[in-house]
């Protein structure tokens, strides 16, 4: 079942910052990139479970705060030489209000 839910407002997230929220047992991190785009991924690094929302955003990637694994916010893939991936959620921003929706 596909579910689209409103999770935040663009103005609530600093540029190159993040917010987290939970849906059931899933913790999701939402990032606002320097180009204004919004990305949403699961909030746990595949390496040791570091909270990606606490990592540094650089371009379209986030660096895990535990061991600096670099994860692409568009694909969810970990940059080589490390390996793994995280779930990426589709995002949509309502132009008039700035409301952010994700699709589960």
PDB file of N, CA and C in Angstrom:
ATOM      1  N   UNK A   1       0.836  -1.179   0.000  1.00  0.00           N
ATOM      2  CA  UNK A   1       0.000   0.000   0.000  1.00  0.00           C
ATOM      3  C   UNK A   1       0.886   1.249   0.000  1.00  0.00           C
ATOM      4  N   UNK A   2       0.603   2.182  -0.889  1.00  0.00           N
ATOM      5  CA  UNK A   2       1.359   3.427  -0.981  1.00  0.00           C
ATOM      6  C   UNK A   2       0.633   4.496  -0.175  1.00  0.00           C
ATOM      7  N   UNK A   3       1.392   5.170   0.683  1.00  0.00           N
ATOM      8  CA  UNK A   3       0.834   6.212   1.523  1.00  0.00           C
ATOM      9  C   UNK A   3       1.663   7.480   1.381  1.00  0.00           C
ATOM     10  N   UNK A   4       0.991   8.605   1.147  1.00  0.00           N
ATOM     11  CA  UNK A   4       1.672   9.897   1.064  1.00  0.00           C
ATOM     12  C   UNK A   4       1.269  10.696   2.296  1.00  0.00           C
ATOM     13  N   UNK A   5       2.281  11.148   3.060  1.00  0.00           N
ATOM     14  CA  UNK A   5       1.986  11.893   4.276  1.00  0.00           C
ATOM     15  C   UNK A   5       2.788  13.190   4.335  1.00  0.00           C
ATOM     16  N   UNK A   6       2.171  14.202   4.951  1.00  0.00           N
ATOM     17  CA  UNK A   6       2.870  15.472   5.168  1.00  0.00           C
ATOM     18  C   UNK A   6       3.742  15.310   6.409  1.00  0.00           C
ATOM     19  N   UNK A   7       5.018  15.690   6.295  1.00  0.00           N
ATOM     20  CA  UNK A   7       5.955  15.451   7.395  1.00  0.00           C
ATOM     21  C   UNK A   7       6.613  16.709   7.956  1.00  0.00           C
ATOM     22  N   UNK A   8       6.636  17.773   7.199  1.00  0.00           N
ATOM     23  CA  UNK A   8       7.312  18.993   7.654  1.00  0.00           C
ATOM     24  C   UNK A   8       6.995  20.111   6.680  1.00  0.00           C
ATOM     25  N   UNK A   9       7.590  21.267   6.949  1.00  0.00           N
ATOM     26  CA  UNK A   9       7.485  22.413   6.068  1.00  0.00           C
ATOM     27  C   UNK A   9       8.906  22.846   5.716  1.00  0.00           C
ATOM     28  N   UNK A  10       9.124  23.245   4.478  1.00  0.00           N
ATOM     29  CA  UNK A  10      10.467  23.616   4.022  1.00  0.00           C
ATOM     30  C   UNK A  10      11.104  24.650   4.948  1.00  0.00           C
ATOM     31  N   UNK A  11      10.327  25.621   5.413  1.00  0.00           N
ATOM     32  CA  UNK A  11      10.865  26.686   6.251  1.00  0.00           C
ATOM     33  C   UNK A  11      11.346  26.166   7.607  1.00  0.00           C
ATOM     34  N   UNK A  12      10.935  24.968   7.989  1.00  0.00           N
ATOM     35  CA  UNK A  12      11.344  24.388   9.273  1.00  0.00           C
ATOM     36  C   UNK A  12      12.726  23.726   9.231  1.00  0.00           C
ATOM     37  N   UNK A  13      13.298  23.606   8.032  1.00  0.00           N
ATOM     38  CA  UNK A  13      14.584  22.916   7.888  1.00  0.00           C
ATOM     39  C   UNK A  13      15.615  23.899   7.350  1.00  0.00           C
ATOM     40  N   UNK A  14      16.700  24.081   8.081  1.00  0.00           N
ATOM     41  CA  UNK A  14      17.774  24.961   7.624  1.00  0.00           C
ATOM     42  C   UNK A  14      18.409  24.397   6.357  1.00  0.00           C
ATOM     43  N   UNK A  15      18.960  25.297   5.521  1.00  0.00           N
ATOM     44  CA  UNK A  15      19.693  24.847   4.337  1.00  0.00           C
ATOM     45  C   UNK A  15      20.839  23.951   4.786  1.00  0.00           C
ATOM     46  N   UNK A  16      20.988  22.820   4.148  1.00  0.00           N
ATOM     47  CA  UNK A  16      21.956  21.774   4.463  1.00  0.00           C
ATOM     48  C   UNK A  16      21.715  21.183   5.858  1.00  0.00           C
ATOM     49  N   UNK A  17      20.483  21.295   6.322  1.00  0.00           N
ATOM     50  CA  UNK A  17      20.106  20.736   7.619  1.00  0.00           C
ATOM     51  C   UNK A  17      19.157  19.568   7.453  1.00  0.00           C
ATOM     52  N   UNK A  18      18.676  19.057   8.590  1.00  0.00           N
ATOM     53  CA  UNK A  18      17.783  17.900   8.546  1.00  0.00           C
ATOM     54  C   UNK A  18      16.776  17.936   9.678  1.00  0.00           C
ATOM     55  N   UNK A  19      15.782  17.118   9.546  1.00  0.00           N
ATOM     56  CA  UNK A  19      14.768  16.859  10.573  1.00  0.00           C
ATOM     57  C   UNK A  19      14.496  15.357  10.550  1.00  0.00           C
ATOM     58  N   UNK A  20      14.015  14.852  11.664  1.00  0.00           N
ATOM     59  CA  UNK A  20      13.637  13.435  11.705  1.00  0.00           C
ATOM     60  C   UNK A  20      12.189  13.305  12.136  1.00  0.00           C
ATOM     61  N   UNK A  21      11.591  12.190  11.751  1.00  0.00           N
ATOM     62  CA  UNK A  21      10.261  11.848  12.220  1.00  0.00           C
ATOM     63  C   UNK A  21      10.112  10.340  12.126  1.00  0.00           C
ATOM     64  N   UNK A  22       9.146   9.816  12.822  1.00  0.00           N
ATOM     65  CA  UNK A  22       8.917   8.367  12.841  1.00  0.00           C
ATOM     66  C   UNK A  22       7.540   8.052  12.275  1.00  0.00           C
ATOM     67  N   UNK A  23       7.498   6.962  11.537  1.00  0.00           N
ATOM     68  CA  UNK A  23       6.243   6.401  11.046  1.00  0.00           C
ATOM     69  C   UNK A  23       6.278   4.936  11.431  1.00  0.00           C
ATOM     70  N   UNK A  24       5.478   4.554  12.404  1.00  0.00           N
ATOM     71  CA  UNK A  24       5.542   3.192  12.912  1.00  0.00           C
ATOM     72  C   UNK A  24       6.916   2.940  13.501  1.00  0.00           C
ATOM     73  N   UNK A  25       7.568   1.891  13.032  1.00  0.00           N
ATOM     74  CA  UNK A  25       8.911   1.569  13.524  1.00  0.00           C
ATOM     75  C   UNK A  25      10.022   2.154  12.647  1.00  0.00           C
ATOM     76  N   UNK A  26       9.657   2.984  11.662  1.00  0.00           N
ATOM     77  CA  UNK A  26      10.639   3.589  10.758  1.00  0.00           C
ATOM     78  C   UNK A  26      11.005   4.985  11.232  1.00  0.00           C
ATOM     79  N   UNK A  27      12.310   5.261  11.303  1.00  0.00           N
ATOM     80  CA  UNK A  27      12.772   6.618  11.570  1.00  0.00           C
ATOM     81  C   UNK A  27      13.337   7.152  10.265  1.00  0.00           C
ATOM     82  N   UNK A  28      12.837   8.312   9.839  1.00  0.00           N
ATOM     83  CA  UNK A  28      13.185   8.875   8.542  1.00  0.00           C
ATOM     84  C   UNK A  28      13.823  10.247   8.745  1.00  0.00           C
ATOM     85  N   UNK A  29      14.878  10.512   7.981  1.00  0.00           N
ATOM     86  CA  UNK A  29      15.554  11.807   8.009  1.00  0.00           C
ATOM     87  C   UNK A  29      15.209  12.562   6.731  1.00  0.00           C
ATOM     88  N   UNK A  30      14.848  13.827   6.890  1.00  0.00           N
ATOM     89  CA  UNK A  30      14.572  14.700   5.749  1.00  0.00           C
ATOM     90  C   UNK A  30      15.680  15.731   5.696  1.00  0.00           C
ATOM     91  N   UNK A  31      16.248  15.918   4.505  1.00  0.00           N
ATOM     92  CA  UNK A  31      17.353  16.853   4.309  1.00  0.00           C
ATOM     93  C   UNK A  31      16.947  17.944   3.332  1.00  0.00           C
ATOM     94  N   UNK A  32      17.393  19.163   3.605  1.00  0.00           N
ATOM     95  CA  UNK A  32      17.228  20.285   2.675  1.00  0.00           C
ATOM     96  C   UNK A  32      18.608  20.618   2.122  1.00  0.00           C
ATOM     97  N   UNK A  33      18.779  20.367   0.835  1.00  0.00           N
ATOM     98  CA  UNK A  33      20.084  20.561   0.202  1.00  0.00           C
ATOM     99  C   UNK A  33      20.302  22.028  -0.153  1.00  0.00           C
ATOM    100  N   UNK A  34      21.542  22.375  -0.475  1.00  0.00           N
ATOM    101  CA  UNK A  34      21.890  23.767  -0.764  1.00  0.00           C
ATOM    102  C   UNK A  34      21.172  24.299  -2.000  1.00  0.00           C
ATOM    103  N   UNK A  35      20.739  23.417  -2.901  1.00  0.00           N
ATOM    104  CA  UNK A  35      19.994  23.857  -4.079  1.00  0.00           C
ATOM    105  C   UNK A  35      18.501  23.996  -3.797  1.00  0.00           C
ATOM    106  N   UNK A  36      18.103  23.758  -2.530  1.00  0.00           N
ATOM    107  CA  UNK A  36      16.707  23.890  -2.137  1.00  0.00           C
ATOM    108  C   UNK A  36      15.897  22.610  -2.231  1.00  0.00           C
ATOM    109  N   UNK A  37      16.464  21.582  -2.848  1.00  0.00           N
ATOM    110  CA  UNK A  37      15.724  20.333  -2.986  1.00  0.00           C
ATOM    111  C   UNK A  37      15.636  19.605  -1.649  1.00  0.00           C
ATOM    112  N   UNK A  38      14.647  18.738  -1.539  1.00  0.00           N
ATOM    113  CA  UNK A  38      14.376  17.982  -0.324  1.00  0.00           C
ATOM    114  C   UNK A  38      14.573  16.503  -0.614  1.00  0.00           C
ATOM    115  N   UNK A  39      15.259  15.818   0.289  1.00  0.00           N
ATOM    116  CA  UNK A  39      15.479  14.372   0.170  1.00  0.00           C
ATOM    117  C   UNK A  39      15.089  13.709   1.487  1.00  0.00           C
ATOM    118  N   UNK A  40      14.626  12.467   1.407  1.00  0.00           N
ATOM    119  CA  UNK A  40      14.253  11.715   2.606  1.00  0.00           C
ATOM    120  C   UNK A  40      14.815  10.304   2.502  1.00  0.00           C
ATOM    121  N   UNK A  41      15.476   9.868   3.581  1.00  0.00           N
ATOM    122  CA  UNK A  41      16.067   8.531   3.625  1.00  0.00           C
ATOM    123  C   UNK A  41      15.852   7.931   5.013  1.00  0.00           C
ATOM    124  N   UNK A  42      16.038   6.614   5.099  1.00  0.00           N
ATOM    125  CA  UNK A  42      15.993   6.016   6.433  1.00  0.00           C
ATOM    126  C   UNK A  42      17.150   6.597   7.238  1.00  0.00           C
ATOM    127  N   UNK A  43      16.969   6.713   8.538  1.00  0.00           N
ATOM    128  CA  UNK A  43      17.907   7.468   9.365  1.00  0.00           C
ATOM    129  C   UNK A  43      18.982   6.603  10.015  1.00  0.00           C
ATOM    130  N   UNK A  44      19.326   5.481   9.411  1.00  0.00           N
ATOM    131  CA  UNK A  44      20.330   4.597  10.009  1.00  0.00           C
ATOM    132  C   UNK A  44      21.355   4.166   8.964  1.00  0.00           C
ATOM    133  N   UNK A  45      22.619   4.440   9.243  1.00  0.00           N
ATOM    134  CA  UNK A  45      23.699   4.017   8.346  1.00  0.00           C
ATOM    135  C   UNK A  45      23.749   2.494   8.309  1.00  0.00           C
ATOM    136  N   UNK A  46      23.976   1.903   7.130  1.00  0.00           N
ATOM    137  CA  UNK A  46      24.037   0.441   7.044  1.00  0.00           C
ATOM    138  C   UNK A  46      25.277  -0.164   7.708  1.00  0.00           C
ATOM    139  N   UNK A  47      26.248   0.660   8.059  1.00  0.00           N
ATOM    140  CA  UNK A  47      27.481   0.167   8.662  1.00  0.00           C
ATOM    141  C   UNK A  47      27.285  -0.176  10.137  1.00  0.00           C
ATOM    142  N   UNK A  48      27.038   0.827  10.967  1.00  0.00           N
ATOM    143  CA  UNK A  48      26.888   0.616  12.410  1.00  0.00           C
ATOM    144  C   UNK A  48      25.638   1.288  12.971  1.00  0.00           C
ATOM    145  N   UNK A  49      24.719   1.706  12.089  1.00  0.00           N
ATOM    146  CA  UNK A  49      23.456   2.272  12.545  1.00  0.00           C
ATOM    147  C   UNK A  49      23.504   3.717  12.974  1.00  0.00           C
ATOM    148  N   UNK A  50      24.555   4.454  12.602  1.00  0.00           N
ATOM    149  CA  UNK A  50      24.650   5.871  12.967  1.00  0.00           C
ATOM    150  C   UNK A  50      23.454   6.659  12.460  1.00  0.00           C
ATOM    151  N   UNK A  51      23.055   7.657  13.226  1.00  0.00           N
ATOM    152  CA  UNK A  51      21.915   8.507  12.841  1.00  0.00           C
ATOM    153  C   UNK A  51      22.362   9.483  11.744  1.00  0.00           C
ATOM    154  N   UNK A  52      21.926   9.235  10.527  1.00  0.00           N
ATOM    155  CA  UNK A  52      22.355  10.043   9.389  1.00  0.00           C
ATOM    156  C   UNK A  52      21.898  11.492   9.511  1.00  0.00           C
ATOM    157  N   UNK A  53      20.803  11.731  10.216  1.00  0.00           N
ATOM    158  CA  UNK A  53      20.320  13.102  10.417  1.00  0.00           C
ATOM    159  C   UNK A  53      21.326  13.947  11.188  1.00  0.00           C
ATOM    160  N   UNK A  54      22.251  13.318  11.884  1.00  0.00           N
ATOM    161  CA  UNK A  54      23.278  14.034  12.645  1.00  0.00           C
ATOM    162  C   UNK A  54      24.563  14.216  11.846  1.00  0.00           C
ATOM    163  N   UNK A  55      24.583  13.723  10.616  1.00  0.00           N
ATOM    164  CA  UNK A  55      25.765  13.823   9.768  1.00  0.00           C
ATOM    165  C   UNK A  55      25.841  15.141   9.030  1.00  0.00           C
ATOM    166  N   UNK A  56      26.992  15.403   8.424  1.00  0.00           N
ATOM    167  CA  UNK A  56      27.217  16.617   7.664  1.00  0.00           C
ATOM    168  C   UNK A  56      26.781  16.399   6.212  1.00  0.00           C
ATOM    169  N   UNK A  57      25.987  17.355   5.695  1.00  0.00           N
ATOM    170  CA  UNK A  57      25.536  17.299   4.310  1.00  0.00           C
ATOM    171  C   UNK A  57      26.543  18.035   3.447  1.00  0.00           C
ATOM    172  N   UNK A  58      26.954  17.376   2.364  1.00  0.00           N
ATOM    173  CA  UNK A  58      27.907  17.961   1.417  1.00  0.00           C
ATOM    174  C   UNK A  58      27.381  17.675   0.015  1.00  0.00           C
ATOM    175  N   UNK A  59      26.915  18.714  -0.667  1.00  0.00           N
ATOM    176  CA  UNK A  59      26.324  18.504  -1.986  1.00  0.00           C
ATOM    177  C   UNK A  59      25.050  17.688  -1.846  1.00  0.00           C
ATOM    178  N   UNK A  60      25.017  16.534  -2.517  1.00  0.00           N
ATOM    179  CA  UNK A  60      23.838  15.661  -2.437  1.00  0.00           C
ATOM    180  C   UNK A  60      24.151  14.393  -1.654  1.00  0.00           C
ATOM    181  N   UNK A  61      25.073  14.492  -0.700  1.00  0.00           N
ATOM    182  CA  UNK A  61      25.438  13.331   0.119  1.00  0.00           C
ATOM    183  C   UNK A  61      25.464  13.733   1.589  1.00  0.00           C
ATOM    184  N   UNK A  62      25.316  12.729   2.441  1.00  0.00           N
ATOM    185  CA  UNK A  62      25.442  12.941   3.872  1.00  0.00           C
ATOM    186  C   UNK A  62      26.551  12.022   4.376  1.00  0.00           C
ATOM    187  N   UNK A  63      27.347  12.518   5.310  1.00  0.00           N
ATOM    188  CA  UNK A  63      28.427  11.738   5.909  1.00  0.00           C
ATOM    189  C   UNK A  63      27.946  11.208   7.251  1.00  0.00           C
ATOM    190  N   UNK A  64      28.018   9.898   7.438  1.00  0.00           N
ATOM    191  CA  UNK A  64      27.604   9.310   8.702  1.00  0.00           C
ATOM    192  C   UNK A  64      28.471   9.881   9.826  1.00  0.00           C
ATOM    193  N   UNK A  65      27.855  10.284  10.940  1.00  0.00           N
ATOM    194  CA  UNK A  65      28.630  10.886  12.018  1.00  0.00           C
ATOM    195  C   UNK A  65      29.522   9.893  12.779  1.00  0.00           C
ATOM    196  N   UNK A  66      29.292   8.605  12.630  1.00  0.00           N
ATOM    197  CA  UNK A  66      30.104   7.630  13.359  1.00  0.00           C
ATOM    198  C   UNK A  66      31.437   7.326  12.678  1.00  0.00           C
ATOM    199  N   UNK A  67      31.400   6.967  11.397  1.00  0.00           N
ATOM    200  CA  UNK A  67      32.619   6.530  10.709  1.00  0.00           C
ATOM    201  C   UNK A  67      32.806   7.186   9.347  1.00  0.00           C
ATOM    202  N   UNK A  68      32.072   8.291   9.103  1.00  0.00           N
ATOM    203  CA  UNK A  68      32.239   9.107   7.899  1.00  0.00           C
ATOM    204  C   UNK A  68      31.903   8.395   6.594  1.00  0.00           C
ATOM    205  N   UNK A  69      31.057   7.370   6.648  1.00  0.00           N
ATOM    206  CA  UNK A  69      30.596   6.780   5.391  1.00  0.00           C
ATOM    207  C   UNK A  69      29.779   7.829   4.652  1.00  0.00           C
ATOM    208  N   UNK A  70      29.988   7.931   3.337  1.00  0.00           N
ATOM    209  CA  UNK A  70      29.305   8.925   2.517  1.00  0.00           C
ATOM    210  C   UNK A  70      28.147   8.249   1.786  1.00  0.00           C
ATOM    211  N   UNK A  71      26.939   8.781   1.989  1.00  0.00           N
ATOM    212  CA  UNK A  71      25.739   8.176   1.414  1.00  0.00           C
ATOM    213  C   UNK A  71      25.052   9.176   0.500  1.00  0.00           C
ATOM    214  N   UNK A  72      24.805   8.748  -0.748  1.00  0.00           N
ATOM    215  CA  UNK A  72      24.145   9.588  -1.742  1.00  0.00           C
ATOM    216  C   UNK A  72      22.668   9.739  -1.368  1.00  0.00           C
ATOM    217  N   UNK A  73      22.199  10.967  -1.235  1.00  0.00           N
ATOM    218  CA  UNK A  73      20.823  11.217  -0.835  1.00  0.00           C
ATOM    219  C   UNK A  73      19.821  10.998  -1.971  1.00  0.00           C
ATOM    220  N   UNK A  74      20.300  10.878  -3.207  1.00  0.00           N
ATOM    221  CA  UNK A  74      19.411  10.614  -4.334  1.00  0.00           C
ATOM    222  C   UNK A  74      19.167   9.122  -4.521  1.00  0.00           C
ATOM    223  N   UNK A  75      20.211   8.322  -4.390  1.00  0.00           N
ATOM    224  CA  UNK A  75      20.100   6.884  -4.651  1.00  0.00           C
ATOM    225  C   UNK A  75      20.090   6.038  -3.381  1.00  0.00           C
ATOM    226  N   UNK A  76      20.621   6.576  -2.277  1.00  0.00           N
ATOM    227  CA  UNK A  76      20.745   5.797  -1.049  1.00  0.00           C
ATOM    228  C   UNK A  76      21.983   4.926  -1.002  1.00  0.00           C
ATOM    229  N   UNK A  77      22.789   4.943  -2.059  1.00  0.00           N
ATOM    230  CA  UNK A  77      23.971   4.088  -2.117  1.00  0.00           C
ATOM    231  C   UNK A  77      25.153   4.689  -1.359  1.00  0.00           C
ATOM    232  N   UNK A  78      25.904   3.817  -0.721  1.00  0.00           N
ATOM    233  CA  UNK A  78      27.117   4.206  -0.011  1.00  0.00           C
ATOM    234  C   UNK A  78      28.241   4.339  -1.032  1.00  0.00           C
ATOM    235  N   UNK A  79      29.066   5.378  -0.869  1.00  0.00           N
ATOM    236  CA  UNK A  79      30.173   5.601  -1.790  1.00  0.00           C
ATOM    237  C   UNK A  79      31.275   4.570  -1.555  1.00  0.00           C
ATOM    238  N   UNK A  80      31.864   4.093  -2.643  1.00  0.00           N
ATOM    239  CA  UNK A  80      32.994   3.150  -2.563  1.00  0.00           C
ATOM    240  C   UNK A  80      34.176   3.829  -1.903  1.00  0.00           C
ATOM    241  N   UNK A  81      35.033   3.110  -1.238  1.00  0.00           N
ATOM    242  CA  UNK A  81      35.184   1.660  -1.198  1.00  0.00           C
ATOM    243  C   UNK A  81      34.214   0.966  -0.244  1.00  0.00           C
ATOM    244  N   UNK A  82      33.407   1.736   0.522  1.00  0.00           N
ATOM    245  CA  UNK A  82      32.428   1.114   1.398  1.00  0.00           C
ATOM    246  C   UNK A  82      31.258   0.632   0.546  1.00  0.00           C
ATOM    247  N   UNK A  83      30.379  -0.141   1.132  1.00  0.00           N
ATOM    248  CA  UNK A  83      29.255  -0.657   0.350  1.00  0.00           C
ATOM    249  C   UNK A  83      28.012  -0.775   1.217  1.00  0.00           C
ATOM    250  N   UNK A  84      26.882  -0.758   0.558  1.00  0.00           N
ATOM    251  CA  UNK A  84      25.592  -0.850   1.223  1.00  0.00           C
ATOM    252  C   UNK A  84      24.674   0.224   0.690  1.00  0.00           C
ATOM    253  N   UNK A  85      23.484   0.291   1.258  1.00  0.00           N
ATOM    254  CA  UNK A  85      22.525   1.309   0.841  1.00  0.00           C
ATOM    255  C   UNK A  85      21.473   1.504   1.924  1.00  0.00           C
ATOM    256  N   UNK A  86      20.752   2.596   1.809  1.00  0.00           N
ATOM    257  CA  UNK A  86      19.634   2.895   2.691  1.00  0.00           C
ATOM    258  C   UNK A  86      18.399   3.122   1.822  1.00  0.00           C
ATOM    259  N   UNK A  87      17.241   3.043   2.434  1.00  0.00           N
ATOM    260  CA  UNK A  87      15.991   3.283   1.712  1.00  0.00           C
ATOM    261  C   UNK A  87      15.847   4.778   1.454  1.00  0.00           C
ATOM    262  N   UNK A  88      15.473   5.119   0.224  1.00  0.00           N
ATOM    263  CA  UNK A  88      15.203   6.498  -0.172  1.00  0.00           C
ATOM    264  C   UNK A  88      13.695   6.620  -0.368  1.00  0.00           C
ATOM    265  N   UNK A  89      13.124   7.693   0.160  1.00  0.00           N
ATOM    266  CA  UNK A  89      11.689   7.933   0.037  1.00  0.00           C
ATOM    267  C   UNK A  89      11.435   9.072  -0.930  1.00  0.00           C
ATOM    268  N   UNK A  90      10.431   8.909  -1.775  1.00  0.00           N
ATOM    269  CA  UNK A  90      10.048   9.952  -2.722  1.00  0.00           C
ATOM    270  C   UNK A  90       9.505  11.145  -1.954  1.00  0.00           C
ATOM    271  N   UNK A  91       9.940  12.345  -2.343  1.00  0.00           N
ATOM    272  CA  UNK A  91       9.470  13.565  -1.684  1.00  0.00           C
ATOM    273  C   UNK A  91       8.767  14.472  -2.675  1.00  0.00           C
ATOM    274  N   UNK A  92       7.878  15.288  -2.143  1.00  0.00           N
ATOM    275  CA  UNK A  92       7.164  16.272  -2.955  1.00  0.00           C
ATOM    276  C   UNK A  92       6.952  17.509  -2.091  1.00  0.00           C
ATOM    277  N   UNK A  93       7.197  18.681  -2.661  1.00  0.00           N
ATOM    278  CA  UNK A  93       6.996  19.936  -1.934  1.00  0.00           C
ATOM    279  C   UNK A  93       5.866  20.694  -2.611  1.00  0.00           C
ATOM    280  N   UNK A  94       4.869  21.054  -1.827  1.00  0.00           N
ATOM    281  CA  UNK A  94       3.749  21.843  -2.338  1.00  0.00           C
ATOM    282  C   UNK A  94       4.223  23.282  -2.498  1.00  0.00           C
ATOM    283  N   UNK A  95       4.183  23.787  -3.720  1.00  0.00           N
ATOM    284  CA  UNK A  95       4.743  25.100  -4.024  1.00  0.00           C
ATOM    285  C   UNK A  95       4.108  26.227  -3.206  1.00  0.00           C
ATOM    286  N   UNK A  96       2.814  26.236  -3.070  1.00  0.00           N
ATOM    287  CA  UNK A  96       2.126  27.343  -2.409  1.00  0.00           C
ATOM    288  C   UNK A  96       2.427  27.419  -0.912  1.00  0.00           C
ATOM    289  N   UNK A  97       2.454  26.277  -0.241  1.00  0.00           N
ATOM    290  CA  UNK A  97       2.593  26.282   1.218  1.00  0.00           C
ATOM    291  C   UNK A  97       3.972  25.878   1.724  1.00  0.00           C
ATOM    292  N   UNK A  98       4.755  25.175   0.897  1.00  0.00           N
ATOM    293  CA  UNK A  98       6.054  24.664   1.333  1.00  0.00           C
ATOM    294  C   UNK A  98       5.943  23.364   2.109  1.00  0.00           C
ATOM    295  N   UNK A  99       4.744  22.779   2.140  1.00  0.00           N
ATOM    296  CA  UNK A  99       4.554  21.509   2.843  1.00  0.00           C
ATOM    297  C   UNK A  99       5.326  20.404   2.147  1.00  0.00           C
ATOM    298  N   UNK A 100       6.002  19.563   2.940  1.00  0.00           N
ATOM    299  CA  UNK A 100       6.794  18.447   2.419  1.00  0.00           C
ATOM    300  C   UNK A 100       6.011  17.169   2.639  1.00  0.00           C
ATOM    301  N   UNK A 101       5.855  16.405   1.568  1.00  0.00           N
ATOM    302  CA  UNK A 101       5.188  15.105   1.620  1.00  0.00           C
ATOM    303  C   UNK A 101       6.186  14.027   1.258  1.00  0.00           C
ATOM    304  N   UNK A 102       6.083  12.871   1.892  1.00  0.00           N
ATOM    305  CA  UNK A 102       6.873  11.719   1.460  1.00  0.00           C
ATOM    306  C   UNK A 102       5.917  10.585   1.141  1.00  0.00           C
ATOM    307  N   UNK A 103       6.386   9.702   0.261  1.00  0.00           N
ATOM    308  CA  UNK A 103       5.611   8.516  -0.108  1.00  0.00           C
ATOM    309  C   UNK A 103       6.257   7.309   0.525  1.00  0.00           C
ATOM    310  N   UNK A 104       5.469   6.557   1.277  1.00  0.00           N
ATOM    311  CA  UNK A 104       5.956   5.323   1.924  1.00  0.00           C
ATOM    312  C   UNK A 104       5.533   4.129   1.102  1.00  0.00           C
TER     313      UNK A 104
END
